[in-house]
Amino acid sequence: MSRKRLLILDDDYNILDSLSTLFEYEDYNIVTLSQIYTINIFEDISLLKPDVILMDINFGKFNGMDLCLKLKENTQTAAYKIILMSAGDYGAVAFNAKCDFYIQKPFQTALLLATVAQLAS
């Protein structure tokens, strides 16, 4: 069985490091992005073919909900599973962005692992 691919987008390097370590321990292939203004996110996601995208809502200059909605409305990227996360209480509006799941920081590790595993299968 091949390792599942997880793309993590967050501008907080400590969170990227923690999530990378957590999911590498769970045997995922990890790609992280801390900024996206120098890349074509649609093209990169199509090339990376992640099983799950874990994205911060407050992503530097970008709004993760807007980016999620654009990804879900683009025919090349619509099928990708996206989990939005934030320290803010966005649970009531996150699903307007068509995300597959929303998790609030600080998150429960077991819930995050189980959700990613479920969406990646």
PDB file of N, CA and C in Angstrom:
ATOM      1  N   MET A   1       0.847  -1.186   0.000  1.00  0.00           N
ATOM      2  CA  MET A   1       0.000   0.000   0.000  1.00  0.00           C
ATOM      3  C   MET A   1       0.889   1.243   0.000  1.00  0.00           C
ATOM      4  N   SER A   2       0.542   2.216  -0.854  1.00  0.00           N
ATOM      5  CA  SER A   2       1.350   3.433  -0.924  1.00  0.00           C
ATOM      6  C   SER A   2       0.988   4.379   0.213  1.00  0.00           C
ATOM      7  N   ARG A   3       1.973   5.175   0.570  1.00  0.00           N
ATOM      8  CA  ARG A   3       1.760   6.151   1.639  1.00  0.00           C
ATOM      9  C   ARG A   3       0.828   7.251   1.147  1.00  0.00           C
ATOM     10  N   LYS A   4      -0.049   7.699   2.016  1.00  0.00           N
ATOM     11  CA  LYS A   4      -0.974   8.790   1.695  1.00  0.00           C
ATOM     12  C   LYS A   4      -0.216  10.110   1.712  1.00  0.00           C
ATOM     13  N   ARG A   5      -0.634  11.020   0.838  1.00  0.00           N
ATOM     14  CA  ARG A   5      -0.005  12.334   0.716  1.00  0.00           C
ATOM     15  C   ARG A   5      -0.866  13.402   1.383  1.00  0.00           C
ATOM     16  N   LEU A   6      -0.201  14.219   2.182  1.00  0.00           N
ATOM     17  CA  LEU A   6      -0.869  15.289   2.906  1.00  0.00           C
ATOM     18  C   LEU A   6      -0.175  16.603   2.580  1.00  0.00           C
ATOM     19  N   LEU A   7      -0.939  17.582   2.126  1.00  0.00           N
ATOM     20  CA  LEU A   7      -0.432  18.923   1.871  1.00  0.00           C
ATOM     21  C   LEU A   7      -0.905  19.812   3.015  1.00  0.00           C
ATOM     22  N   ILE A   8       0.045  20.462   3.689  1.00  0.00           N
ATOM     23  CA  ILE A   8      -0.282  21.329   4.826  1.00  0.00           C
ATOM     24  C   ILE A   8       0.082  22.759   4.457  1.00  0.00           C
ATOM     25  N   LEU A   9      -0.894  23.663   4.539  1.00  0.00           N
ATOM     26  CA  LEU A   9      -0.680  25.081   4.251  1.00  0.00           C
ATOM     27  C   LEU A   9      -0.924  25.884   5.516  1.00  0.00           C
ATOM     28  N   ASP A  10       0.137  26.486   6.037  1.00  0.00           N
ATOM     29  CA  ASP A  10       0.034  27.298   7.243  1.00  0.00           C
ATOM     30  C   ASP A  10       1.228  28.239   7.261  1.00  0.00           C
ATOM     31  N   ASP A  11       1.039  29.467   7.710  1.00  0.00           N
ATOM     32  CA  ASP A  11       2.151  30.407   7.752  1.00  0.00           C
ATOM     33  C   ASP A  11       2.885  30.400   9.091  1.00  0.00           C
ATOM     34  N   ASP A  12       2.486  29.530   9.995  1.00  0.00           N
ATOM     35  CA  ASP A  12       3.145  29.391  11.292  1.00  0.00           C
ATOM     36  C   ASP A  12       4.094  28.195  11.216  1.00  0.00           C
ATOM     37  N   TYR A  13       5.393  28.487  11.237  1.00  0.00           N
ATOM     38  CA  TYR A  13       6.391  27.423  11.085  1.00  0.00           C
ATOM     39  C   TYR A  13       6.342  26.400  12.213  1.00  0.00           C
ATOM     40  N   ASN A  14       5.979  26.822  13.411  1.00  0.00           N
ATOM     41  CA  ASN A  14       5.876  25.874  14.528  1.00  0.00           C
ATOM     42  C   ASN A  14       4.754  24.864  14.285  1.00  0.00           C
ATOM     43  N   ILE A  15       3.644  25.338  13.754  1.00  0.00           N
ATOM     44  CA  ILE A  15       2.533  24.433  13.456  1.00  0.00           C
ATOM     45  C   ILE A  15       2.912  23.506  12.305  1.00  0.00           C
ATOM     46  N   LEU A  16       3.560  24.052  11.276  1.00  0.00           N
ATOM     47  CA  LEU A  16       4.008  23.204  10.166  1.00  0.00           C
ATOM     48  C   LEU A  16       4.941  22.106  10.665  1.00  0.00           C
ATOM     49  N   ASP A  17       5.865  22.474  11.529  1.00  0.00           N
ATOM     50  CA  ASP A  17       6.815  21.500  12.064  1.00  0.00           C
ATOM     51  C   ASP A  17       6.111  20.442  12.904  1.00  0.00           C
ATOM     52  N   SER A  18       5.208  20.879  13.771  1.00  0.00           N
ATOM     53  CA  SER A  18       4.478  19.933  14.638  1.00  0.00           C
ATOM     54  C   SER A  18       3.607  18.982  13.824  1.00  0.00           C
ATOM     55  N   LEU A  19       2.866  19.527  12.864  1.00  0.00           N
ATOM     56  CA  LEU A  19       1.992  18.686  12.046  1.00  0.00           C
ATOM     57  C   LEU A  19       2.805  17.745  11.154  1.00  0.00           C
ATOM     58  N   SER A  20       3.919  18.235  10.628  1.00  0.00           N
ATOM     59  CA  SER A  20       4.776  17.379   9.806  1.00  0.00           C
ATOM     60  C   SER A  20       5.292  16.201  10.618  1.00  0.00           C
ATOM     61  N   THR A  21       5.774  16.476  11.810  1.00  0.00           N
ATOM     62  CA  THR A  21       6.289  15.417  12.676  1.00  0.00           C
ATOM     63  C   THR A  21       5.191  14.421  13.021  1.00  0.00           C
ATOM     64  N   LEU A  22       4.029  14.925  13.376  1.00  0.00           N
ATOM     65  CA  LEU A  22       2.900  14.061  13.736  1.00  0.00           C
ATOM     66  C   LEU A  22       2.526  13.129  12.590  1.00  0.00           C
ATOM     67  N   PHE A  23       2.363  13.692  11.398  1.00  0.00           N
ATOM     68  CA  PHE A  23       1.904  12.876  10.279  1.00  0.00           C
ATOM     69  C   PHE A  23       3.006  12.026   9.663  1.00  0.00           C
ATOM     70  N   GLU A  24       4.256  12.441   9.764  1.00  0.00           N
ATOM     71  CA  GLU A  24       5.350  11.574   9.327  1.00  0.00           C
ATOM     72  C   GLU A  24       5.410  10.342  10.217  1.00  0.00           C
ATOM     73  N   TYR A  25       5.178  10.532  11.503  1.00  0.00           N
ATOM     74  CA  TYR A  25       5.138   9.410  12.439  1.00  0.00           C
ATOM     75  C   TYR A  25       4.010   8.439  12.070  1.00  0.00           C
ATOM     76  N   GLU A  26       2.936   8.973  11.504  1.00  0.00           N
ATOM     77  CA  GLU A  26       1.797   8.151  11.083  1.00  0.00           C
ATOM     78  C   GLU A  26       1.981   7.623   9.659  1.00  0.00           C
ATOM     79  N   ASP A  27       3.161   7.828   9.086  1.00  0.00           N
ATOM     80  CA  ASP A  27       3.583   7.289   7.792  1.00  0.00           C
ATOM     81  C   ASP A  27       2.909   7.967   6.592  1.00  0.00           C
ATOM     82  N   TYR A  28       2.670   9.266   6.683  1.00  0.00           N
ATOM     83  CA  TYR A  28       2.179  10.048   5.551  1.00  0.00           C
ATOM     84  C   TYR A  28       3.362  10.682   4.826  1.00  0.00           C
ATOM     85  N   ASN A  29       3.226  10.894   3.534  1.00  0.00           N
ATOM     86  CA  ASN A  29       4.142  11.754   2.793  1.00  0.00           C
ATOM     87  C   ASN A  29       3.636  13.172   2.984  1.00  0.00           C
ATOM     88  N   ILE A  30       4.516  14.075   3.403  1.00  0.00           N
ATOM     89  CA  ILE A  30       4.111  15.427   3.762  1.00  0.00           C
ATOM     90  C   ILE A  30       4.751  16.442   2.822  1.00  0.00           C
ATOM     91  N   VAL A  31       3.945  17.398   2.361  1.00  0.00           N
ATOM     92  CA  VAL A  31       4.436  18.590   1.680  1.00  0.00           C
ATOM     93  C   VAL A  31       3.843  19.761   2.441  1.00  0.00           C
ATOM     94  N   THR A  32       4.692  20.736   2.767  1.00  0.00           N
ATOM     95  CA  THR A  32       4.206  21.920   3.480  1.00  0.00           C
ATOM     96  C   THR A  32       4.465  23.168   2.658  1.00  0.00           C
ATOM     97  N   LEU A  33       3.565  24.120   2.797  1.00  0.00           N
ATOM     98  CA  LEU A  33       3.724  25.434   2.187  1.00  0.00           C
ATOM     99  C   LEU A  33       3.418  26.480   3.250  1.00  0.00           C
ATOM    100  N   SER A  34       4.342  27.445   3.379  1.00  0.00           N
ATOM    101  CA  SER A  34       4.129  28.505   4.359  1.00  0.00           C
ATOM    102  C   SER A  34       3.729  29.812   3.700  1.00  0.00           C
ATOM    103  N   GLN A  35       3.839  29.866   2.380  1.00  0.00           N
ATOM    104  CA  GLN A  35       3.405  31.042   1.639  1.00  0.00           C
ATOM    105  C   GLN A  35       3.063  30.614   0.220  1.00  0.00           C
ATOM    106  N   ILE A  36       2.090  31.275  -0.355  1.00  0.00           N
ATOM    107  CA  ILE A  36       1.656  30.825  -1.674  1.00  0.00           C
ATOM    108  C   ILE A  36       1.677  31.915  -2.733  1.00  0.00           C
ATOM    109  N   TYR A  37       2.224  33.062  -2.436  1.00  0.00           N
ATOM    110  CA  TYR A  37       2.178  34.135  -3.434  1.00  0.00           C
ATOM    111  C   TYR A  37       3.152  33.925  -4.575  1.00  0.00           C
ATOM    112  N   THR A  38       4.056  32.960  -4.480  1.00  0.00           N
ATOM    113  CA  THR A  38       5.030  32.729  -5.548  1.00  0.00           C
ATOM    114  C   THR A  38       4.719  31.479  -6.364  1.00  0.00           C
ATOM    115  N   ILE A  39       3.576  30.847  -6.119  1.00  0.00           N
ATOM    116  CA  ILE A  39       3.262  29.599  -6.812  1.00  0.00           C
ATOM    117  C   ILE A  39       1.868  29.660  -7.426  1.00  0.00           C
ATOM    118  N   ASN A  40       1.601  28.731  -8.314  1.00  0.00           N
ATOM    119  CA  ASN A  40       0.254  28.557  -8.842  1.00  0.00           C
ATOM    120  C   ASN A  40      -0.356  27.389  -8.078  1.00  0.00           C
ATOM    121  N   ILE A  41      -1.176  27.671  -7.103  1.00  0.00           N
ATOM    122  CA  ILE A  41      -1.684  26.641  -6.197  1.00  0.00           C
ATOM    123  C   ILE A  41      -2.486  25.579  -6.931  1.00  0.00           C
ATOM    124  N   PHE A  42      -3.220  25.944  -7.953  1.00  0.00           N
ATOM    125  CA  PHE A  42      -4.012  24.958  -8.694  1.00  0.00           C
ATOM    126  C   PHE A  42      -3.100  23.984  -9.433  1.00  0.00           C
ATOM    127  N   GLU A  43      -2.085  24.513 -10.068  1.00  0.00           N
ATOM    128  CA  GLU A  43      -1.138  23.670 -10.796  1.00  0.00           C
ATOM    129  C   GLU A  43      -0.351  22.782  -9.836  1.00  0.00           C
ATOM    130  N   ASP A  44       0.103  23.372  -8.732  1.00  0.00           N
ATOM    131  CA  ASP A  44       0.885  22.597  -7.771  1.00  0.00           C
ATOM    132  C   ASP A  44       0.069  21.478  -7.136  1.00  0.00           C
ATOM    133  N   ILE A  45      -1.178  21.749  -6.802  1.00  0.00           N
ATOM    134  CA  ILE A  45      -2.019  20.699  -6.218  1.00  0.00           C
ATOM    135  C   ILE A  45      -2.268  19.602  -7.240  1.00  0.00           C
ATOM    136  N   SER A  46      -2.485  19.971  -8.476  1.00  0.00           N
ATOM    137  CA  SER A  46      -2.696  18.962  -9.517  1.00  0.00           C
ATOM    138  C   SER A  46      -1.454  18.095  -9.703  1.00  0.00           C
ATOM    139  N   LEU A  47      -0.271  18.677  -9.548  1.00  0.00           N
ATOM    140  CA  LEU A  47       0.970  17.912  -9.660  1.00  0.00           C
ATOM    141  C   LEU A  47       1.229  17.059  -8.422  1.00  0.00           C
ATOM    142  N   LEU A  48       0.956  17.611  -7.246  1.00  0.00           N
ATOM    143  CA  LEU A  48       1.211  16.896  -5.992  1.00  0.00           C
ATOM    144  C   LEU A  48       0.208  15.766  -5.755  1.00  0.00           C
ATOM    145  N   LYS A  49      -1.018  15.955  -6.198  1.00  0.00           N
ATOM    146  CA  LYS A  49      -2.096  14.992  -5.990  1.00  0.00           C
ATOM    147  C   LYS A  49      -2.199  14.539  -4.522  1.00  0.00           C
ATOM    148  N   PRO A  50      -2.388  15.502  -3.612  1.00  0.00           N
ATOM    149  CA  PRO A  50      -2.504  15.113  -2.208  1.00  0.00           C
ATOM    150  C   PRO A  50      -3.812  14.367  -1.947  1.00  0.00           C
ATOM    151  N   ASP A  51      -3.782  13.464  -0.997  1.00  0.00           N
ATOM    152  CA  ASP A  51      -5.015  12.790  -0.589  1.00  0.00           C
ATOM    153  C   ASP A  51      -5.863  13.714   0.270  1.00  0.00           C
ATOM    154  N   VAL A  52      -5.190  14.576   1.045  1.00  0.00           N
ATOM    155  CA  VAL A  52      -5.882  15.536   1.913  1.00  0.00           C
ATOM    156  C   VAL A  52      -5.062  16.827   1.941  1.00  0.00           C
ATOM    157  N   ILE A  53      -5.776  17.946   1.990  1.00  0.00           N
ATOM    158  CA  ILE A  53      -5.155  19.265   2.159  1.00  0.00           C
ATOM    159  C   ILE A  53      -5.600  19.799   3.510  1.00  0.00           C
ATOM    160  N   LEU A  54      -4.645  20.140   4.342  1.00  0.00           N
ATOM    161  CA  LEU A  54      -4.910  20.712   5.654  1.00  0.00           C
ATOM    162  C   LEU A  54      -4.492  22.178   5.574  1.00  0.00           C
ATOM    163  N   MET A  55      -5.469  23.101   5.676  1.00  0.00           N
ATOM    164  CA  MET A  55      -5.209  24.508   5.381  1.00  0.00           C
ATOM    165  C   MET A  55      -5.687  25.425   6.502  1.00  0.00           C
ATOM    166  N   ASP A  56      -4.799  26.335   6.881  1.00  0.00           N
ATOM    167  CA  ASP A  56      -5.155  27.354   7.868  1.00  0.00           C
ATOM    168  C   ASP A  56      -6.077  28.384   7.220  1.00  0.00           C
ATOM    169  N   ILE A  57      -7.063  28.839   7.950  1.00  0.00           N
ATOM    170  CA  ILE A  57      -7.967  29.870   7.437  1.00  0.00           C
ATOM    171  C   ILE A  57      -7.251  31.205   7.337  1.00  0.00           C
ATOM    172  N   ASN A  58      -6.462  31.555   8.325  1.00  0.00           N
ATOM    173  CA  ASN A  58      -5.700  32.807   8.316  1.00  0.00           C
ATOM    174  C   ASN A  58      -4.292  32.494   7.836  1.00  0.00           C
ATOM    175  N   PHE A  59      -4.135  32.532   6.517  1.00  0.00           N
ATOM    176  CA  PHE A  59      -2.909  32.080   5.875  1.00  0.00           C
ATOM    177  C   PHE A  59      -2.174  33.278   5.293  1.00  0.00           C
ATOM    178  N   GLY A  60      -1.462  34.009   6.182  1.00  0.00           N
ATOM    179  CA  GLY A  60      -0.750  35.203   5.730  1.00  0.00           C
ATOM    180  C   GLY A  60      -1.719  36.215   5.169  1.00  0.00           C
ATOM    181  N   LYS A  61      -1.472  36.647   3.940  1.00  0.00           N
ATOM    182  CA  LYS A  61      -2.338  37.622   3.284  1.00  0.00           C
ATOM    183  C   LYS A  61      -3.596  36.979   2.721  1.00  0.00           C
ATOM    184  N   PHE A  62      -3.655  35.666   2.743  1.00  0.00           N
ATOM    185  CA  PHE A  62      -4.746  34.948   2.108  1.00  0.00           C
ATOM    186  C   PHE A  62      -5.787  34.496   3.119  1.00  0.00           C
ATOM    187  N   ASN A  63      -6.993  34.382   2.650  1.00  0.00           N
ATOM    188  CA  ASN A  63      -8.080  33.828   3.442  1.00  0.00           C
ATOM    189  C   ASN A  63      -8.257  32.383   2.987  1.00  0.00           C
ATOM    190  N   GLY A  64      -7.993  31.449   3.888  1.00  0.00           N
ATOM    191  CA  GLY A  64      -8.082  30.033   3.552  1.00  0.00           C
ATOM    192  C   GLY A  64      -9.468  29.621   3.094  1.00  0.00           C
ATOM    193  N   MET A  65     -10.511  30.282   3.601  1.00  0.00           N
ATOM    194  CA  MET A  65     -11.862  29.938   3.156  1.00  0.00           C
ATOM    195  C   MET A  65     -12.060  30.327   1.688  1.00  0.00           C
ATOM    196  N   ASP A  66     -11.535  31.484   1.302  1.00  0.00           N
ATOM    197  CA  ASP A  66     -11.631  31.887  -0.099  1.00  0.00           C
ATOM    198  C   ASP A  66     -10.861  30.929  -1.001  1.00  0.00           C
ATOM    199  N   LEU A  67      -9.659  30.569  -0.572  1.00  0.00           N
ATOM    200  CA  LEU A  67      -8.839  29.643  -1.353  1.00  0.00           C
ATOM    201  C   LEU A  67      -9.509  28.273  -1.441  1.00  0.00           C
ATOM    202  N   CYS A  68     -10.076  27.802  -0.345  1.00  0.00           N
ATOM    203  CA  CYS A  68     -10.782  26.524  -0.332  1.00  0.00           C
ATOM    204  C   CYS A  68     -11.941  26.546  -1.326  1.00  0.00           C
ATOM    205  N   LEU A  69     -12.713  27.606  -1.302  1.00  0.00           N
ATOM    206  CA  LEU A  69     -13.856  27.721  -2.214  1.00  0.00           C
ATOM    207  C   LEU A  69     -13.389  27.726  -3.673  1.00  0.00           C
ATOM    208  N   LYS A  70     -12.316  28.439  -3.948  1.00  0.00           N
ATOM    209  CA  LYS A  70     -11.776  28.461  -5.315  1.00  0.00           C
ATOM    210  C   LYS A  70     -11.313  27.071  -5.739  1.00  0.00           C
ATOM    211  N   LEU A  71     -10.671  26.344  -4.831  1.00  0.00           N
ATOM    212  CA  LEU A  71     -10.220  24.983  -5.141  1.00  0.00           C
ATOM    213  C   LEU A  71     -11.409  24.059  -5.382  1.00  0.00           C
ATOM    214  N   LYS A  72     -12.443  24.190  -4.570  1.00  0.00           N
ATOM    215  CA  LYS A  72     -13.617  23.330  -4.700  1.00  0.00           C
ATOM    216  C   LYS A  72     -14.445  23.661  -5.939  1.00  0.00           C
ATOM    217  N   GLU A  73     -14.358  24.892  -6.416  1.00  0.00           N
ATOM    218  CA  GLU A  73     -15.117  25.286  -7.603  1.00  0.00           C
ATOM    219  C   GLU A  73     -14.324  25.119  -8.901  1.00  0.00           C
ATOM    220  N   ASN A  74     -13.050  24.740  -8.796  1.00  0.00           N
ATOM    221  CA  ASN A  74     -12.203  24.505  -9.961  1.00  0.00           C
ATOM    222  C   ASN A  74     -12.279  23.020 -10.325  1.00  0.00           C
ATOM    223  N   THR A  75     -12.593  22.719 -11.569  1.00  0.00           N
ATOM    224  CA  THR A  75     -12.783  21.316 -11.964  1.00  0.00           C
ATOM    225  C   THR A  75     -11.528  20.471 -11.773  1.00  0.00           C
ATOM    226  N   GLN A  76     -10.340  21.076 -11.852  1.00  0.00           N
ATOM    227  CA  GLN A  76      -9.101  20.317 -11.677  1.00  0.00           C
ATOM    228  C   GLN A  76      -8.832  19.959 -10.223  1.00  0.00           C
ATOM    229  N   THR A  77      -9.372  20.722  -9.290  1.00  0.00           N
ATOM    230  CA  THR A  77      -9.039  20.520  -7.877  1.00  0.00           C
ATOM    231  C   THR A  77     -10.255  20.234  -6.995  1.00  0.00           C
ATOM    232  N   ALA A  78     -11.441  20.194  -7.573  1.00  0.00           N
ATOM    233  CA  ALA A  78     -12.678  20.082  -6.786  1.00  0.00           C
ATOM    234  C   ALA A  78     -12.763  18.812  -5.954  1.00  0.00           C
ATOM    235  N   ALA A  79     -12.171  17.735  -6.398  1.00  0.00           N
ATOM    236  CA  ALA A  79     -12.313  16.450  -5.701  1.00  0.00           C
ATOM    237  C   ALA A  79     -11.383  16.309  -4.496  1.00  0.00           C
ATOM    238  N   TYR A  80     -10.418  17.198  -4.348  1.00  0.00           N
ATOM    239  CA  TYR A  80      -9.488  17.066  -3.227  1.00  0.00           C
ATOM    240  C   TYR A  80     -10.196  17.326  -1.903  1.00  0.00           C
ATOM    241  N   LYS A  81      -9.855  16.543  -0.911  1.00  0.00           N
ATOM    242  CA  LYS A  81     -10.425  16.685   0.424  1.00  0.00           C
ATOM    243  C   LYS A  81      -9.673  17.782   1.155  1.00  0.00           C
ATOM    244  N   ILE A  82     -10.418  18.746   1.703  1.00  0.00           N
ATOM    245  CA  ILE A  82      -9.808  19.891   2.368  1.00  0.00           C
ATOM    246  C   ILE A  82     -10.336  20.015   3.794  1.00  0.00           C
ATOM    247  N   ILE A  83      -9.392  20.111   4.718  1.00  0.00           N
ATOM    248  CA  ILE A  83      -9.708  20.388   6.117  1.00  0.00           C
ATOM    249  C   ILE A  83      -9.235  21.808   6.402  1.00  0.00           C
ATOM    250  N   LEU A  84     -10.154  22.670   6.800  1.00  0.00           N
ATOM    251  CA  LEU A  84      -9.790  24.017   7.222  1.00  0.00           C
ATOM    252  C   LEU A  84      -9.547  24.012   8.722  1.00  0.00           C
ATOM    253  N   MET A  85      -8.568  24.802   9.161  1.00  0.00           N
ATOM    254  CA  MET A  85      -8.271  24.903  10.588  1.00  0.00           C
ATOM    255  C   MET A  85      -7.976  26.349  10.942  1.00  0.00           C
ATOM    256  N   SER A  86      -8.262  26.710  12.185  1.00  0.00           N
ATOM    257  CA  SER A  86      -8.002  28.061  12.650  1.00  0.00           C
ATOM    258  C   SER A  86      -8.109  28.126  14.170  1.00  0.00           C
ATOM    259  N   ALA A  87      -7.410  29.095  14.732  1.00  0.00           N
ATOM    260  CA  ALA A  87      -7.546  29.355  16.163  1.00  0.00           C
ATOM    261  C   ALA A  87      -8.843  30.102  16.450  1.00  0.00           C
ATOM    262  N   GLY A  88      -9.388  30.731  15.431  1.00  0.00           N
ATOM    263  CA  GLY A  88     -10.647  31.445  15.579  1.00  0.00           C
ATOM    264  C   GLY A  88     -11.823  30.491  15.492  1.00  0.00           C
ATOM    265  N   ASP A  89     -12.967  30.955  15.938  1.00  0.00           N
ATOM    266  CA  ASP A  89     -14.179  30.133  15.910  1.00  0.00           C
ATOM    267  C   ASP A  89     -14.917  30.371  14.597  1.00  0.00           C
ATOM    268  N   TYR A  90     -14.485  29.650  13.554  1.00  0.00           N
ATOM    269  CA  TYR A  90     -15.076  29.788  12.230  1.00  0.00           C
ATOM    270  C   TYR A  90     -15.987  28.615  11.871  1.00  0.00           C
ATOM    271  N   GLY A  91     -16.277  27.764  12.818  1.00  0.00           N
ATOM    272  CA  GLY A  91     -17.059  26.566  12.541  1.00  0.00           C
ATOM    273  C   GLY A  91     -18.375  26.823  11.844  1.00  0.00           C
ATOM    274  N   ALA A  92     -19.030  27.924  12.186  1.00  0.00           N
ATOM    275  CA  ALA A  92     -20.345  28.218  11.604  1.00  0.00           C
ATOM    276  C   ALA A  92     -20.256  28.649  10.143  1.00  0.00           C
ATOM    277  N   VAL A  93     -19.100  29.190   9.718  1.00  0.00           N
ATOM    278  CA  VAL A  93     -18.989  29.693   8.352  1.00  0.00           C
ATOM    279  C   VAL A  93     -18.000  28.916   7.484  1.00  0.00           C
ATOM    280  N   ALA A  94     -17.162  28.088   8.080  1.00  0.00           N
ATOM    281  CA  ALA A  94     -16.135  27.373   7.315  1.00  0.00           C
ATOM    282  C   ALA A  94     -16.735  26.493   6.225  1.00  0.00           C
ATOM    283  N   PHE A  95     -17.870  25.889   6.491  1.00  0.00           N
ATOM    284  CA  PHE A  95     -18.461  24.976   5.513  1.00  0.00           C
ATOM    285  C   PHE A  95     -19.069  25.716   4.318  1.00  0.00           C
ATOM    286  N   ASN A  96     -19.236  27.045   4.423  1.00  0.00           N
ATOM    287  CA  ASN A  96     -19.635  27.839   3.254  1.00  0.00           C
ATOM    288  C   ASN A  96     -18.558  27.784   2.177  1.00  0.00           C
ATOM    289  N   ALA A  97     -17.338  27.482   2.583  1.00  0.00           N
ATOM    290  CA  ALA A  97     -16.215  27.377   1.650  1.00  0.00           C
ATOM    291  C   ALA A  97     -16.133  25.979   1.041  1.00  0.00           C
ATOM    292  N   LYS A  98     -17.121  25.138   1.337  1.00  0.00           N
ATOM    293  CA  LYS A  98     -17.212  23.774   0.809  1.00  0.00           C
ATOM    294  C   LYS A  98     -16.091  22.854   1.307  1.00  0.00           C
ATOM    295  N   CYS A  99     -15.521  23.179   2.476  1.00  0.00           N
ATOM    296  CA  CYS A  99     -14.489  22.307   3.037  1.00  0.00           C
ATOM    297  C   CYS A  99     -15.133  20.982   3.445  1.00  0.00           C
ATOM    298  N   ASP A 100     -14.296  19.975   3.567  1.00  0.00           N
ATOM    299  CA  ASP A 100     -14.787  18.660   3.976  1.00  0.00           C
ATOM    300  C   ASP A 100     -14.852  18.511   5.491  1.00  0.00           C
ATOM    301  N   PHE A 101     -14.080  19.338   6.194  1.00  0.00           N
ATOM    302  CA  PHE A 101     -14.084  19.296   7.651  1.00  0.00           C
ATOM    303  C   PHE A 101     -13.461  20.596   8.152  1.00  0.00           C
ATOM    304  N   TYR A 102     -13.853  21.018   9.348  1.00  0.00           N
ATOM    305  CA  TYR A 102     -13.255  22.170  10.009  1.00  0.00           C
ATOM    306  C   TYR A 102     -12.821  21.734  11.397  1.00  0.00           C
ATOM    307  N   ILE A 103     -11.612  22.155  11.774  1.00  0.00           N
ATOM    308  CA  ILE A 103     -11.122  21.834  13.111  1.00  0.00           C
ATOM    309  C   ILE A 103     -10.533  23.104  13.723  1.00  0.00           C
ATOM    310  N   GLN A 104     -10.877  23.349  14.979  1.00  0.00           N
ATOM    311  CA  GLN A 104     -10.398  24.543  15.665  1.00  0.00           C
ATOM    312  C   GLN A 104      -9.117  24.243  16.415  1.00  0.00           C
ATOM    313  N   LYS A 105      -8.147  25.176  16.321  1.00  0.00           N
ATOM    314  CA  LYS A 105      -6.902  25.080  17.080  1.00  0.00           C
ATOM    315  C   LYS A 105      -7.151  25.615  18.480  1.00  0.00           C
ATOM    316  N   PRO A 106      -6.555  25.127  19.510  1.00  0.00           N
ATOM    317  CA  PRO A 106      -5.740  23.909  19.490  1.00  0.00           C
ATOM    318  C   PRO A 106      -6.648  22.700  19.292  1.00  0.00           C
ATOM    319  N   PHE A 107      -6.240  21.825  18.434  1.00  0.00           N
ATOM    320  CA  PHE A 107      -7.078  20.676  18.090  1.00  0.00           C
ATOM    321  C   PHE A 107      -6.677  19.459  18.901  1.00  0.00           C
ATOM    322  N   GLN A 108      -7.608  18.545  18.992  1.00  0.00           N
ATOM    323  CA  GLN A 108      -7.320  17.268  19.632  1.00  0.00           C
ATOM    324  C   GLN A 108      -6.620  16.398  18.603  1.00  0.00           C
ATOM    325  N   THR A 109      -5.426  15.936  18.938  1.00  0.00           N
ATOM    326  CA  THR A 109      -4.613  15.167  18.009  1.00  0.00           C
ATOM    327  C   THR A 109      -5.357  13.945  17.488  1.00  0.00           C
ATOM    328  N   ALA A 110      -6.031  13.240  18.365  1.00  0.00           N
ATOM    329  CA  ALA A 110      -6.744  12.022  17.950  1.00  0.00           C
ATOM    330  C   ALA A 110      -7.830  12.348  16.921  1.00  0.00           C
ATOM    331  N   LEU A 111      -8.554  13.438  17.114  1.00  0.00           N
ATOM    332  CA  LEU A 111      -9.598  13.841  16.175  1.00  0.00           C
ATOM    333  C   LEU A 111      -8.994  14.205  14.816  1.00  0.00           C
ATOM    334  N   LEU A 112      -7.907  14.958  14.829  1.00  0.00           N
ATOM    335  CA  LEU A 112      -7.258  15.345  13.583  1.00  0.00           C
ATOM    336  C   LEU A 112      -6.733  14.123  12.837  1.00  0.00           C
ATOM    337  N   LEU A 113      -6.059  13.226  13.528  1.00  0.00           N
ATOM    338  CA  LEU A 113      -5.540  12.000  12.899  1.00  0.00           C
ATOM    339  C   LEU A 113      -6.669  11.161  12.306  1.00  0.00           C
ATOM    340  N   ALA A 114      -7.742  10.994  13.061  1.00  0.00           N
ATOM    341  CA  ALA A 114      -8.861  10.181  12.591  1.00  0.00           C
ATOM    342  C   ALA A 114      -9.544  10.825  11.388  1.00  0.00           C
ATOM    343  N   THR A 115      -9.686  12.131  11.401  1.00  0.00           N
ATOM    344  CA  THR A 115     -10.339  12.829  10.291  1.00  0.00           C
ATOM    345  C   THR A 115      -9.501  12.734   9.021  1.00  0.00           C
ATOM    346  N   VAL A 116      -8.205  12.978   9.142  1.00  0.00           N
ATOM    347  CA  VAL A 116      -7.320  12.868   7.968  1.00  0.00           C
ATOM    348  C   VAL A 116      -7.332  11.449   7.437  1.00  0.00           C
ATOM    349  N   ALA A 117      -7.246  10.468   8.323  1.00  0.00           N
ATOM    350  CA  ALA A 117      -7.262   9.060   7.880  1.00  0.00           C
ATOM    351  C   ALA A 117      -8.558   8.713   7.159  1.00  0.00           C
ATOM    352  N   GLN A 118      -9.668   9.193   7.675  1.00  0.00           N
ATOM    353  CA  GLN A 118     -10.968   8.920   7.051  1.00  0.00           C
ATOM    354  C   GLN A 118     -11.067   9.565   5.673  1.00  0.00           C
ATOM    355  N   LEU A 119     -10.641  10.821   5.570  1.00  0.00           N
ATOM    356  CA  LEU A 119     -10.727  11.525   4.287  1.00  0.00           C
ATOM    357  C   LEU A 119      -9.717  10.986   3.270  1.00  0.00           C
ATOM    358  N   ALA A 120      -8.603  10.468   3.749  1.00  0.00           N
ATOM    359  CA  ALA A 120      -7.558   9.961   2.854  1.00  0.00           C
ATOM    360  C   ALA A 120      -7.866   8.568   2.306  1.00  0.00           C
ATOM    361  N   SER A 121      -8.831   7.903   2.905  1.00  0.00           N
ATOM    362  CA  SER A 121      -9.100   6.527   2.477  1.00  0.00           C
ATOM    363  C   SER A 121      -9.987   6.461   1.253  1.00  0.00           C
TER     364      SER A 121
END
